[in-house]
N, C-alpha and C. Protein backbone atom coordinates (compact mmCIF):
# COMPACT_ATOMS: atom_id res chain seq x y z
N MET A 1 107.01 107.36 103.49
CA MET A 1 106.29 106.09 103.57
C MET A 1 105.62 105.83 102.23
N TYR A 2 105.73 104.61 101.76
CA TYR A 2 105.16 104.22 100.48
C TYR A 2 103.77 103.63 100.68
N PRO A 3 102.91 103.73 99.64
CA PRO A 3 101.59 103.09 99.72
C PRO A 3 101.76 101.58 99.82
N ILE A 4 100.80 100.94 100.44
CA ILE A 4 100.84 99.47 100.56
C ILE A 4 99.95 98.84 99.50
N VAL A 5 100.23 97.59 99.21
CA VAL A 5 99.44 96.83 98.24
C VAL A 5 98.12 96.42 98.90
N THR A 6 97.03 96.65 98.20
CA THR A 6 95.72 96.25 98.71
C THR A 6 95.12 95.10 97.90
N LYS A 7 95.63 94.90 96.67
CA LYS A 7 95.14 93.81 95.83
C LYS A 7 96.23 93.44 94.83
N ALA A 8 96.39 92.14 94.59
CA ALA A 8 97.35 91.65 93.60
C ALA A 8 96.67 90.61 92.73
N THR A 9 96.74 90.82 91.43
CA THR A 9 96.16 89.89 90.48
C THR A 9 97.27 89.35 89.59
N PRO A 10 97.54 88.03 89.66
CA PRO A 10 98.58 87.46 88.80
C PRO A 10 98.14 87.40 87.35
N MET A 11 99.07 87.72 86.45
CA MET A 11 98.81 87.68 85.02
C MET A 11 99.99 86.98 84.37
N LYS A 12 99.70 86.01 83.51
CA LYS A 12 100.76 85.24 82.86
C LYS A 12 101.61 86.15 82.00
N PRO A 13 102.88 85.85 81.85
CA PRO A 13 103.60 84.76 82.51
C PRO A 13 104.21 85.16 83.85
N SER A 14 104.46 86.48 84.06
CA SER A 14 105.22 86.87 85.24
C SER A 14 104.81 88.21 85.83
N PHE A 15 103.63 88.67 85.51
CA PHE A 15 103.22 90.00 85.95
C PHE A 15 102.20 89.94 87.08
N LEU A 16 102.27 90.95 87.93
CA LEU A 16 101.25 91.17 88.95
C LEU A 16 100.62 92.53 88.67
N GLU A 17 99.29 92.56 88.59
CA GLU A 17 98.59 93.83 88.57
C GLU A 17 98.33 94.19 90.02
N LEU A 18 98.83 95.34 90.43
CA LEU A 18 98.77 95.72 91.84
C LEU A 18 97.92 96.96 92.04
N GLN A 19 97.10 96.93 93.07
CA GLN A 19 96.38 98.11 93.50
C GLN A 19 96.98 98.55 94.82
N PHE A 20 97.19 99.84 94.95
CA PHE A 20 97.84 100.40 96.14
C PHE A 20 96.85 101.23 96.96
N SER A 21 97.22 101.45 98.20
CA SER A 21 96.35 102.17 99.14
C SER A 21 96.11 103.62 98.73
N ASN A 22 96.92 104.17 97.83
CA ASN A 22 96.71 105.54 97.37
C ASN A 22 95.84 105.60 96.11
N GLY A 23 95.28 104.44 95.68
CA GLY A 23 94.40 104.39 94.54
C GLY A 23 95.10 104.06 93.22
N GLU A 24 96.41 104.03 93.20
CA GLU A 24 97.14 103.71 91.98
C GLU A 24 97.03 102.23 91.63
N THR A 25 97.05 101.94 90.33
CA THR A 25 97.15 100.58 89.83
C THR A 25 98.40 100.52 88.98
N LYS A 26 99.26 99.54 89.26
CA LYS A 26 100.54 99.41 88.55
C LYS A 26 100.79 97.94 88.23
N MET A 27 101.74 97.72 87.31
CA MET A 27 102.14 96.36 86.93
C MET A 27 103.57 96.13 87.41
N LEU A 28 103.81 94.92 87.92
CA LEU A 28 105.14 94.52 88.35
C LEU A 28 105.51 93.24 87.64
N ASP A 29 106.66 93.25 86.95
CA ASP A 29 107.18 92.05 86.31
C ASP A 29 108.15 91.39 87.28
N VAL A 30 107.78 90.26 87.82
CA VAL A 30 108.63 89.59 88.82
C VAL A 30 109.68 88.69 88.19
N SER A 31 109.71 88.59 86.86
CA SER A 31 110.70 87.71 86.22
C SER A 31 112.13 88.14 86.54
N LYS A 32 112.34 89.39 86.85
CA LYS A 32 113.70 89.84 87.17
C LYS A 32 114.21 89.25 88.49
N TYR A 33 113.31 88.73 89.30
CA TYR A 33 113.70 88.11 90.56
C TYR A 33 113.99 86.62 90.41
N TRP A 34 113.63 86.03 89.27
CA TRP A 34 113.75 84.59 89.08
C TRP A 34 115.18 84.08 89.18
N HIS A 35 116.17 84.93 88.92
CA HIS A 35 117.57 84.47 88.99
C HIS A 35 117.98 84.10 90.40
N SER A 36 117.26 84.59 91.37
CA SER A 36 117.53 84.28 92.77
C SER A 36 116.91 82.93 93.13
N HIS A 37 117.69 82.08 93.76
CA HIS A 37 117.17 80.77 94.19
C HIS A 37 115.94 80.94 95.09
N PHE A 38 115.93 81.98 95.91
CA PHE A 38 114.84 82.23 96.84
C PHE A 38 113.50 82.42 96.10
N PHE A 39 113.53 83.03 94.92
CA PHE A 39 112.32 83.31 94.16
C PHE A 39 112.09 82.38 92.97
N SER A 40 112.91 81.36 92.80
CA SER A 40 112.83 80.52 91.60
C SER A 40 111.47 79.82 91.45
N GLN A 41 110.79 79.52 92.53
CA GLN A 41 109.47 78.86 92.44
C GLN A 41 108.44 79.73 91.72
N LEU A 42 108.67 81.04 91.69
CA LEU A 42 107.71 81.93 91.05
C LEU A 42 107.63 81.71 89.54
N GLN A 43 108.56 80.97 88.98
CA GLN A 43 108.52 80.64 87.56
C GLN A 43 107.40 79.65 87.23
N GLN A 44 106.92 78.95 88.24
CA GLN A 44 105.84 77.97 88.06
C GLN A 44 104.51 78.69 88.23
N TRP A 45 103.71 78.71 87.16
CA TRP A 45 102.45 79.46 87.19
C TRP A 45 101.56 79.04 88.34
N GLU A 46 101.46 77.74 88.61
CA GLU A 46 100.59 77.25 89.67
C GLU A 46 101.00 77.84 91.02
N TYR A 47 102.27 78.01 91.22
CA TYR A 47 102.77 78.58 92.47
C TYR A 47 102.62 80.11 92.46
N PHE A 48 103.04 80.72 91.37
CA PHE A 48 102.95 82.18 91.23
C PHE A 48 101.52 82.66 91.46
N ASN A 49 100.56 81.88 90.98
CA ASN A 49 99.14 82.22 91.08
C ASN A 49 98.62 82.19 92.51
N GLN A 50 99.39 81.69 93.45
CA GLN A 50 98.97 81.62 94.86
C GLN A 50 99.34 82.88 95.65
N VAL A 51 99.65 83.95 94.95
CA VAL A 51 100.03 85.20 95.61
C VAL A 51 98.94 85.67 96.57
N GLN A 52 99.37 86.22 97.69
CA GLN A 52 98.46 86.76 98.71
C GLN A 52 99.01 88.10 99.18
N ILE A 53 98.17 88.85 99.84
CA ILE A 53 98.59 90.11 100.45
C ILE A 53 98.79 89.85 101.95
N ARG A 54 99.98 90.17 102.42
CA ARG A 54 100.29 90.06 103.86
C ARG A 54 101.08 91.28 104.28
N ASN A 55 100.63 91.94 105.29
CA ASN A 55 101.33 93.12 105.82
C ASN A 55 101.61 94.17 104.75
N GLY A 56 100.67 94.35 103.85
CA GLY A 56 100.79 95.40 102.84
C GLY A 56 101.71 95.09 101.68
N THR A 57 102.10 93.84 101.53
CA THR A 57 102.95 93.46 100.41
C THR A 57 102.50 92.12 99.85
N VAL A 58 103.10 91.70 98.74
CA VAL A 58 102.76 90.41 98.15
C VAL A 58 103.59 89.32 98.79
N SER A 59 102.99 88.14 98.90
CA SER A 59 103.64 87.01 99.55
C SER A 59 103.14 85.72 98.92
N TRP A 60 103.97 84.67 99.01
CA TRP A 60 103.61 83.35 98.50
C TRP A 60 103.73 82.33 99.62
N PRO A 61 103.19 81.13 99.44
CA PRO A 61 103.11 80.15 100.53
C PRO A 61 104.42 79.82 101.24
N ASN A 62 105.54 79.81 100.53
CA ASN A 62 106.80 79.48 101.19
C ASN A 62 107.51 80.70 101.75
N GLU A 63 106.72 81.71 102.08
CA GLU A 63 107.16 82.93 102.74
C GLU A 63 108.07 83.82 101.89
N GLN A 64 108.00 83.65 100.57
CA GLN A 64 108.68 84.62 99.71
C GLN A 64 107.83 85.88 99.71
N ASP A 65 108.48 87.00 99.88
CA ASP A 65 107.79 88.28 99.76
C ASP A 65 108.76 89.31 99.23
N ILE A 66 108.23 90.43 98.82
CA ILE A 66 109.03 91.52 98.28
C ILE A 66 108.70 92.75 99.11
N ALA A 67 109.71 93.49 99.50
CA ALA A 67 109.51 94.67 100.35
C ALA A 67 108.53 95.64 99.69
N PRO A 68 107.62 96.21 100.48
CA PRO A 68 106.61 97.11 99.92
C PRO A 68 107.19 98.28 99.13
N GLU A 69 108.28 98.85 99.61
CA GLU A 69 108.88 99.99 98.90
C GLU A 69 109.49 99.55 97.57
N THR A 70 110.03 98.34 97.52
CA THR A 70 110.57 97.81 96.27
C THR A 70 109.46 97.58 95.26
N ILE A 71 108.36 97.01 95.72
CA ILE A 71 107.21 96.77 94.83
C ILE A 71 106.72 98.08 94.25
N TYR A 72 106.58 99.08 95.08
CA TYR A 72 106.04 100.35 94.60
C TYR A 72 107.00 101.02 93.61
N LEU A 73 108.28 101.03 93.93
CA LEU A 73 109.26 101.69 93.07
C LEU A 73 109.53 100.94 91.77
N ASP A 74 109.47 99.60 91.80
CA ASP A 74 109.76 98.80 90.61
C ASP A 74 108.56 98.58 89.70
N SER A 75 107.37 98.87 90.16
CA SER A 75 106.18 98.66 89.32
C SER A 75 105.93 99.92 88.46
N LYS A 76 105.27 99.67 87.34
CA LYS A 76 105.00 100.76 86.39
C LYS A 76 103.53 100.86 86.09
């Protein structure tokens, strides 16, 4: 089981500073997801900045989210 996200802070242009339930702080560059039509709205700062924590992962208003294990493994 992977740690869950407890806090997400958006940072321009495409990074999230993430705090996890195990105390780690990591950075995730979401620009690699932009090629997907599903995540294309994240290119807009005003939208990207609306990130929220839901069910231990990051989520945006139009129900885009990234699996918690993917977030943990892809962040540095």
